[in-house]
Amino acid sequence: MIKNLIFDWGGVILTLNKELCIKNFADVAGVPDFNEYLTPYLQKGFFAAYENGDIDDEQFCRSIREISTNPDVGYKEIEYALDSFLEEIPQYKVDLINRLSQNYKLYVLSNNNPICWRISERMFDELSQKNVKELFTDIFLSFRMKLSKPGKEIFLKVLEEAGIQPQESLFIDDAPANIETAAQLGFKTLLYDVNKNLEEELNRVLK
């Protein structure tokens, strides 16, 4: 019996726009090749270090300036470019989370970074009658844990800290590598196609 639902954030709850983000890093932040660091499921270089909590906001911005054609590019421009990666949180997903929270323990497990999380948390809160922290039993973010998917360690840490069993937990993610790791550890899994309706996909599995 499934008691726990563990959601990836970007791609599952939050719609992403990689192309616009890359464009704005070139046009606004002066980084024409940001696609070398921004990949669909797992970031690279200093961006990976930022998501893993190895560097902070200031160090991340410094790394941007080092590769930018504008070495004086400011935090606001960098934040704007990152913000454009976060396209939207569909209202139906917020409503779905509200309903699911009445019958399941809900968790977030996301490879994320401080700037994107702050922005997306505000996005969610503006659409919901409750703060994201009220709807999810716990929120596990790579930059806080200093661990990243698809490594087994982050999943094991979630099990330990949440005090849950993998066989009673459904993990929802759009990255095949993350799903593979979770399945190996005994989680029930849903590989989510971002072009499909999340509620319909969840109903198919939960029923």
C-alpha atoms as a PDB file:
ATOM      1  CA  MET A   1       0.000   0.000   0.000  1.00  0.00           C
ATOM      2  CA  ILE A   2       1.335   3.409  -0.990  1.00  0.00           C
ATOM      3  CA  LYS A   3       1.442   5.838   1.930  1.00  0.00           C
ATOM      4  CA  ASN A   4       4.036   8.335   0.702  1.00  0.00           C
ATOM      5  CA  LEU A   5       4.352  10.314  -2.528  1.00  0.00           C
ATOM      6  CA  ILE A   6       7.797  11.736  -3.286  1.00  0.00           C
ATOM      7  CA  PHE A   7       7.853  14.340  -6.050  1.00  0.00           C
ATOM      8  CA  ASP A   8      10.700  15.674  -8.090  1.00  0.00           C
ATOM      9  CA  TRP A   9      10.199  19.431  -8.477  1.00  0.00           C
ATOM     10  CA  GLY A  10      11.493  20.780 -11.783  1.00  0.00           C
ATOM     11  CA  GLY A  11       9.842  18.953 -14.659  1.00  0.00           C
ATOM     12  CA  VAL A  12       7.196  17.297 -12.474  1.00  0.00           C
ATOM     13  CA  ILE A  13       5.617  20.110 -10.428  1.00  0.00           C
ATOM     14  CA  LEU A  14       7.333  23.019 -12.138  1.00  0.00           C
ATOM     15  CA  THR A  15       7.463  23.410 -15.921  1.00  0.00           C
ATOM     16  CA  LEU A  16      10.963  24.293 -17.154  1.00  0.00           C
ATOM     17  CA  ASN A  17      12.081  26.364 -20.145  1.00  0.00           C
ATOM     18  CA  LYS A  18      15.687  25.491 -20.875  1.00  0.00           C
ATOM     19  CA  GLU A  19      15.804  27.346 -24.204  1.00  0.00           C
ATOM     20  CA  LEU A  20      14.677  30.676 -22.740  1.00  0.00           C
ATOM     21  CA  CYS A  21      17.104  30.320 -19.842  1.00  0.00           C
ATOM     22  CA  ILE A  22      20.040  29.736 -22.188  1.00  0.00           C
ATOM     23  CA  LYS A  23      18.944  32.704 -24.322  1.00  0.00           C
ATOM     24  CA  ASN A  24      18.727  35.034 -21.321  1.00  0.00           C
ATOM     25  CA  PHE A  25      22.081  33.951 -19.949  1.00  0.00           C
ATOM     26  CA  ALA A  26      23.533  34.939 -23.321  1.00  0.00           C
ATOM     27  CA  ASP A  27      21.554  38.171 -23.787  1.00  0.00           C
ATOM     28  CA  VAL A  28      21.335  39.423 -20.194  1.00  0.00           C
ATOM     29  CA  ALA A  29      24.210  37.793 -18.310  1.00  0.00           C
ATOM     30  CA  GLY A  30      26.746  37.651 -21.137  1.00  0.00           C
ATOM     31  CA  VAL A  31      27.220  33.871 -21.072  1.00  0.00           C
ATOM     32  CA  PRO A  32      26.730  32.602 -24.650  1.00  0.00           C
ATOM     33  CA  ASP A  33      27.426  28.936 -23.885  1.00  0.00           C
ATOM     34  CA  PHE A  34      25.388  28.329 -20.723  1.00  0.00           C
ATOM     35  CA  ASN A  35      24.011  25.179 -22.374  1.00  0.00           C
ATOM     36  CA  GLU A  36      27.330  23.559 -21.446  1.00  0.00           C
ATOM     37  CA  TYR A  37      26.296  23.759 -17.784  1.00  0.00           C
ATOM     38  CA  LEU A  38      22.515  23.411 -18.004  1.00  0.00           C
ATOM     39  CA  THR A  39      21.394  19.929 -19.019  1.00  0.00           C
ATOM     40  CA  PRO A  40      17.922  18.344 -18.843  1.00  0.00           C
ATOM     41  CA  TYR A  41      18.432  16.300 -15.663  1.00  0.00           C
ATOM     42  CA  LEU A  42      21.870  16.878 -14.114  1.00  0.00           C
ATOM     43  CA  GLN A  43      23.857  20.096 -14.231  1.00  0.00           C
ATOM     44  CA  LYS A  44      27.595  20.364 -14.888  1.00  0.00           C
ATOM     45  CA  GLY A  45      30.620  22.252 -13.612  1.00  0.00           C
ATOM     46  CA  PHE A  46      30.059  25.112 -11.178  1.00  0.00           C
ATOM     47  CA  PHE A  47      26.290  24.833 -11.693  1.00  0.00           C
ATOM     48  CA  ALA A  48      26.439  21.250 -10.404  1.00  0.00           C
ATOM     49  CA  ALA A  49      28.508  22.473  -7.458  1.00  0.00           C
ATOM     50  CA  TYR A  50      25.844  25.105  -6.746  1.00  0.00           C
ATOM     51  CA  GLU A  51      23.055  22.513  -6.789  1.00  0.00           C
ATOM     52  CA  ASN A  52      25.102  20.217  -4.571  1.00  0.00           C
ATOM     53  CA  GLY A  53      25.610  22.947  -1.976  1.00  0.00           C
ATOM     54  CA  ASP A  54      29.370  23.094  -2.525  1.00  0.00           C
ATOM     55  CA  ILE A  55      29.256  26.809  -3.384  1.00  0.00           C
ATOM     56  CA  ASP A  56      26.887  29.573  -2.252  1.00  0.00           C
ATOM     57  CA  ASP A  57      25.068  32.374  -4.104  1.00  0.00           C
ATOM     58  CA  GLU A  58      28.084  34.687  -4.063  1.00  0.00           C
ATOM     59  CA  GLN A  59      30.455  32.019  -5.381  1.00  0.00           C
ATOM     60  CA  PHE A  60      27.956  31.020  -8.072  1.00  0.00           C
ATOM     61  CA  CYS A  61      27.646  34.615  -9.259  1.00  0.00           C
ATOM     62  CA  ARG A  62      31.429  34.961  -9.216  1.00  0.00           C
ATOM     63  CA  SER A  63      31.697  31.885 -11.427  1.00  0.00           C
ATOM     64  CA  ILE A  64      29.205  33.448 -13.862  1.00  0.00           C
ATOM     65  CA  ARG A  65      31.239  36.655 -14.002  1.00  0.00           C
ATOM     66  CA  GLU A  66      34.415  34.705 -14.744  1.00  0.00           C
ATOM     67  CA  ILE A  67      32.917  33.294 -17.956  1.00  0.00           C
ATOM     68  CA  SER A  68      30.727  36.274 -18.866  1.00  0.00           C
ATOM     69  CA  THR A  69      31.527  38.798 -21.582  1.00  0.00           C
ATOM     70  CA  ASN A  70      30.431  41.309 -18.931  1.00  0.00           C
ATOM     71  CA  PRO A  71      32.588  40.735 -15.825  1.00  0.00           C
ATOM     72  CA  ASP A  72      30.462  43.280 -13.926  1.00  0.00           C
ATOM     73  CA  VAL A  73      27.166  41.451 -14.456  1.00  0.00           C
ATOM     74  CA  GLY A  74      25.093  41.782 -11.296  1.00  0.00           C
ATOM     75  CA  TYR A  75      23.046  39.445  -9.130  1.00  0.00           C
ATOM     76  CA  LYS A  76      19.756  40.786 -10.510  1.00  0.00           C
ATOM     77  CA  GLU A  77      20.710  39.904 -14.085  1.00  0.00           C
ATOM     78  CA  ILE A  78      21.841  36.432 -13.053  1.00  0.00           C
ATOM     79  CA  GLU A  79      18.677  35.888 -11.023  1.00  0.00           C
ATOM     80  CA  TYR A  80      16.583  37.056 -13.995  1.00  0.00           C
ATOM     81  CA  ALA A  81      18.280  34.576 -16.308  1.00  0.00           C
ATOM     82  CA  LEU A  82      17.763  31.721 -13.824  1.00  0.00           C
ATOM     83  CA  ASP A  83      14.173  32.802 -13.223  1.00  0.00           C
ATOM     84  CA  SER A  84      13.419  32.314 -16.918  1.00  0.00           C
ATOM     85  CA  PHE A  85      14.270  28.611 -16.497  1.00  0.00           C
ATOM     86  CA  LEU A  86      11.226  28.339 -14.202  1.00  0.00           C
ATOM     87  CA  GLU A  87       8.346  28.658 -16.639  1.00  0.00           C
ATOM     88  CA  GLU A  88       5.250  27.985 -14.520  1.00  0.00           C
ATOM     89  CA  ILE A  89       3.538  25.824 -11.948  1.00  0.00           C
ATOM     90  CA  PRO A  90       0.196  24.844 -13.476  1.00  0.00           C
ATOM     91  CA  GLN A  91      -2.718  25.602 -11.188  1.00  0.00           C
ATOM     92  CA  TYR A  92      -4.117  22.098 -11.556  1.00  0.00           C
ATOM     93  CA  LYS A  93      -0.918  20.672 -10.037  1.00  0.00           C
ATOM     94  CA  VAL A  94      -1.198  22.943  -7.014  1.00  0.00           C
ATOM     95  CA  ASP A  95      -4.823  21.874  -6.574  1.00  0.00           C
ATOM     96  CA  LEU A  96      -3.766  18.247  -6.959  1.00  0.00           C
ATOM     97  CA  ILE A  97      -1.117  18.595  -4.255  1.00  0.00           C
ATOM     98  CA  ASN A  98      -3.715  20.127  -1.939  1.00  0.00           C
ATOM     99  CA  ARG A  99      -6.036  17.144  -2.429  1.00  0.00           C
ATOM    100  CA  LEU A 100      -3.323  14.507  -2.179  1.00  0.00           C
ATOM    101  CA  SER A 101      -2.056  15.960   1.100  1.00  0.00           C
ATOM    102  CA  GLN A 102      -5.319  14.837   2.730  1.00  0.00           C
ATOM    103  CA  ASN A 103      -4.609  11.147   2.085  1.00  0.00           C
ATOM    104  CA  TYR A 104      -0.827  10.781   1.700  1.00  0.00           C
ATOM    105  CA  LYS A 105       2.372  12.051   3.189  1.00  0.00           C
ATOM    106  CA  LEU A 106       3.921  14.223   0.505  1.00  0.00           C
ATOM    107  CA  TYR A 107       7.619  14.912   0.017  1.00  0.00           C
ATOM    108  CA  VAL A 108       9.800  16.827  -2.441  1.00  0.00           C
ATOM    109  CA  LEU A 109      13.140  15.365  -3.540  1.00  0.00           C
ATOM    110  CA  SER A 110      14.821  17.748  -5.937  1.00  0.00           C
ATOM    111  CA  ASN A 111      18.201  18.606  -7.379  1.00  0.00           C
ATOM    112  CA  ASN A 112      17.882  22.321  -6.858  1.00  0.00           C
ATOM    113  CA  ASN A 113      19.769  25.504  -6.031  1.00  0.00           C
ATOM    114  CA  PRO A 114      19.034  28.372  -3.624  1.00  0.00           C
ATOM    115  CA  ILE A 115      18.005  30.983  -6.205  1.00  0.00           C
ATOM    116  CA  CYS A 116      15.661  28.686  -8.132  1.00  0.00           C
ATOM    117  CA  TRP A 117      14.135  27.273  -4.970  1.00  0.00           C
ATOM    118  CA  ARG A 118      13.392  30.711  -3.500  1.00  0.00           C
ATOM    119  CA  ILE A 119      11.709  31.789  -6.725  1.00  0.00           C
ATOM    120  CA  SER A 120       9.721  28.601  -7.245  1.00  0.00           C
ATOM    121  CA  GLU A 121       8.601  28.482  -3.609  1.00  0.00           C
ATOM    122  CA  ARG A 122       7.118  31.966  -4.049  1.00  0.00           C
ATOM    123  CA  MET A 123       5.464  30.832  -7.288  1.00  0.00           C
ATOM    124  CA  PHE A 124       3.821  27.906  -5.512  1.00  0.00           C
ATOM    125  CA  ASP A 125       2.701  29.937  -2.510  1.00  0.00           C
ATOM    126  CA  GLU A 126       1.052  32.549  -4.744  1.00  0.00           C
ATOM    127  CA  LEU A 127      -1.068  29.849  -6.391  1.00  0.00           C
ATOM    128  CA  SER A 128      -1.921  27.884  -3.270  1.00  0.00           C
ATOM    129  CA  GLN A 129      -3.978  28.692  -0.207  1.00  0.00           C
ATOM    130  CA  LYS A 130      -1.191  27.160   1.864  1.00  0.00           C
ATOM    131  CA  ASN A 131       2.568  27.531   2.020  1.00  0.00           C
ATOM    132  CA  VAL A 132       4.488  24.741   0.295  1.00  0.00           C
ATOM    133  CA  LYS A 133       5.919  23.747   3.685  1.00  0.00           C
ATOM    134  CA  GLU A 134       2.405  23.156   5.001  1.00  0.00           C
ATOM    135  CA  LEU A 135       1.466  20.749   2.212  1.00  0.00           C
ATOM    136  CA  PHE A 136       4.639  18.672   2.120  1.00  0.00           C
ATOM    137  CA  THR A 137       5.686  16.663   5.149  1.00  0.00           C
ATOM    138  CA  ASP A 138       9.307  17.419   4.292  1.00  0.00           C
ATOM    139  CA  ILE A 139      11.292  18.969   1.452  1.00  0.00           C
ATOM    140  CA  PHE A 140      14.621  17.419   0.504  1.00  0.00           C
ATOM    141  CA  LEU A 141      16.819  19.632  -1.679  1.00  0.00           C
ATOM    142  CA  SER A 142      20.237  18.731  -3.024  1.00  0.00           C
ATOM    143  CA  PHE A 143      21.907  22.018  -2.064  1.00  0.00           C
ATOM    144  CA  ARG A 144      20.821  21.580   1.560  1.00  0.00           C
ATOM    145  CA  MET A 145      21.724  17.892   1.754  1.00  0.00           C
ATOM    146  CA  LYS A 146      24.978  18.191  -0.234  1.00  0.00           C
ATOM    147  CA  LEU A 147      23.844  15.108  -2.126  1.00  0.00           C
ATOM    148  CA  SER A 148      22.321  14.780  -5.590  1.00  0.00           C
ATOM    149  CA  LYS A 149      20.204  12.375  -7.600  1.00  0.00           C
ATOM    150  CA  PRO A 150      20.740   9.852  -9.109  1.00  0.00           C
ATOM    151  CA  GLY A 151      23.158   8.854  -6.343  1.00  0.00           C
ATOM    152  CA  LYS A 152      21.805   6.237  -3.936  1.00  0.00           C
ATOM    153  CA  GLU A 153      22.966   8.210  -0.916  1.00  0.00           C
ATOM    154  CA  ILE A 154      20.330  10.941  -1.277  1.00  0.00           C
ATOM    155  CA  PHE A 155      17.515   8.381  -1.461  1.00  0.00           C
ATOM    156  CA  LEU A 156      18.824   6.527   1.585  1.00  0.00           C
ATOM    157  CA  LYS A 157      19.053   9.807   3.478  1.00  0.00           C
ATOM    158  CA  VAL A 158      15.427  10.584   2.641  1.00  0.00           C
ATOM    159  CA  LEU A 159      14.329   7.186   3.949  1.00  0.00           C
ATOM    160  CA  GLU A 160      16.318   7.715   7.137  1.00  0.00           C
ATOM    161  CA  GLU A 161      15.188  11.270   7.871  1.00  0.00           C
ATOM    162  CA  ALA A 162      11.552  10.744   6.882  1.00  0.00           C
ATOM    163  CA  GLY A 163      11.324   7.402   8.647  1.00  0.00           C
ATOM    164  CA  ILE A 164       9.512   5.796   5.719  1.00  0.00           C
ATOM    165  CA  GLN A 165       9.755   2.490   3.860  1.00  0.00           C
ATOM    166  CA  PRO A 166      10.590   2.415   0.128  1.00  0.00           C
ATOM    167  CA  GLN A 167       7.924  -0.208  -0.665  1.00  0.00           C
ATOM    168  CA  GLU A 168       5.274   2.136   0.754  1.00  0.00           C
ATOM    169  CA  SER A 169       6.565   5.115  -1.245  1.00  0.00           C
ATOM    170  CA  LEU A 170       5.892   6.211  -4.822  1.00  0.00           C
ATOM    171  CA  PHE A 171       8.715   8.274  -6.336  1.00  0.00           C
ATOM    172  CA  ILE A 172       7.747  10.505  -9.281  1.00  0.00           C
ATOM    173  CA  ASP A 173      10.481  11.903 -11.514  1.00  0.00           C
ATOM    174  CA  ASP A 174      11.013  12.753 -15.187  1.00  0.00           C
ATOM    175  CA  ALA A 175      14.648  11.551 -15.286  1.00  0.00           C
ATOM    176  CA  PRO A 176      15.159   7.867 -16.150  1.00  0.00           C
ATOM    177  CA  ALA A 177      18.422   7.636 -14.160  1.00  0.00           C
ATOM    178  CA  ASN A 178      16.698   8.848 -10.990  1.00  0.00           C
ATOM    179  CA  ILE A 179      13.838   6.402 -11.465  1.00  0.00           C
ATOM    180  CA  GLU A 180      16.306   3.558 -11.990  1.00  0.00           C
ATOM    181  CA  THR A 181      18.109   4.268  -8.706  1.00  0.00           C
ATOM    182  CA  ALA A 182      14.840   4.523  -6.775  1.00  0.00           C
ATOM    183  CA  ALA A 183      13.579   1.242  -8.229  1.00  0.00           C
ATOM    184  CA  GLN A 184      16.818  -0.511  -7.263  1.00  0.00           C
ATOM    185  CA  LEU A 185      16.233   0.604  -3.669  1.00  0.00           C
ATOM    186  CA  GLY A 186      12.711  -0.785  -3.602  1.00  0.00           C
ATOM    187  CA  PHE A 187      10.646   2.333  -4.266  1.00  0.00           C
ATOM    188  CA  LYS A 188       7.544   2.157  -6.394  1.00  0.00           C
ATOM    189  CA  THR A 189       8.170   4.553  -9.278  1.00  0.00           C
ATOM    190  CA  LEU A 190       6.490   6.671 -11.913  1.00  0.00           C
ATOM    191  CA  LEU A 191       8.600   7.951 -14.812  1.00  0.00           C
ATOM    192  CA  TYR A 192       6.647  11.081 -15.625  1.00  0.00           C
ATOM    193  CA  ASP A 193       6.324  12.306 -19.198  1.00  0.00           C
ATOM    194  CA  VAL A 194       6.294  16.112 -18.876  1.00  0.00           C
ATOM    195  CA  ASN A 195       3.893  16.339 -21.831  1.00  0.00           C
ATOM    196  CA  LYS A 196       1.219  14.338 -20.012  1.00  0.00           C
ATOM    197  CA  ASN A 197      -1.273  15.272 -17.324  1.00  0.00           C
ATOM    198  CA  LEU A 198       0.237  14.591 -13.901  1.00  0.00           C
ATOM    199  CA  GLU A 199      -3.098  13.892 -12.244  1.00  0.00           C
ATOM    200  CA  GLU A 200      -4.050  11.302 -14.858  1.00  0.00           C
ATOM    201  CA  GLU A 201      -0.664   9.612 -14.608  1.00  0.00           C
ATOM    202  CA  LEU A 202      -0.837   9.463 -10.817  1.00  0.00           C
ATOM    203  CA  ASN A 203      -4.405   8.127 -10.857  1.00  0.00           C
ATOM    204  CA  ARG A 204      -3.315   5.376 -13.215  1.00  0.00           C
ATOM    205  CA  VAL A 205      -0.638   4.217 -10.753  1.00  0.00           C
ATOM    206  CA  LEU A 206      -2.478   4.819  -7.476  1.00  0.00           C
ATOM    207  CA  LYS A 207      -5.585   2.949  -8.587  1.00  0.00           C
END
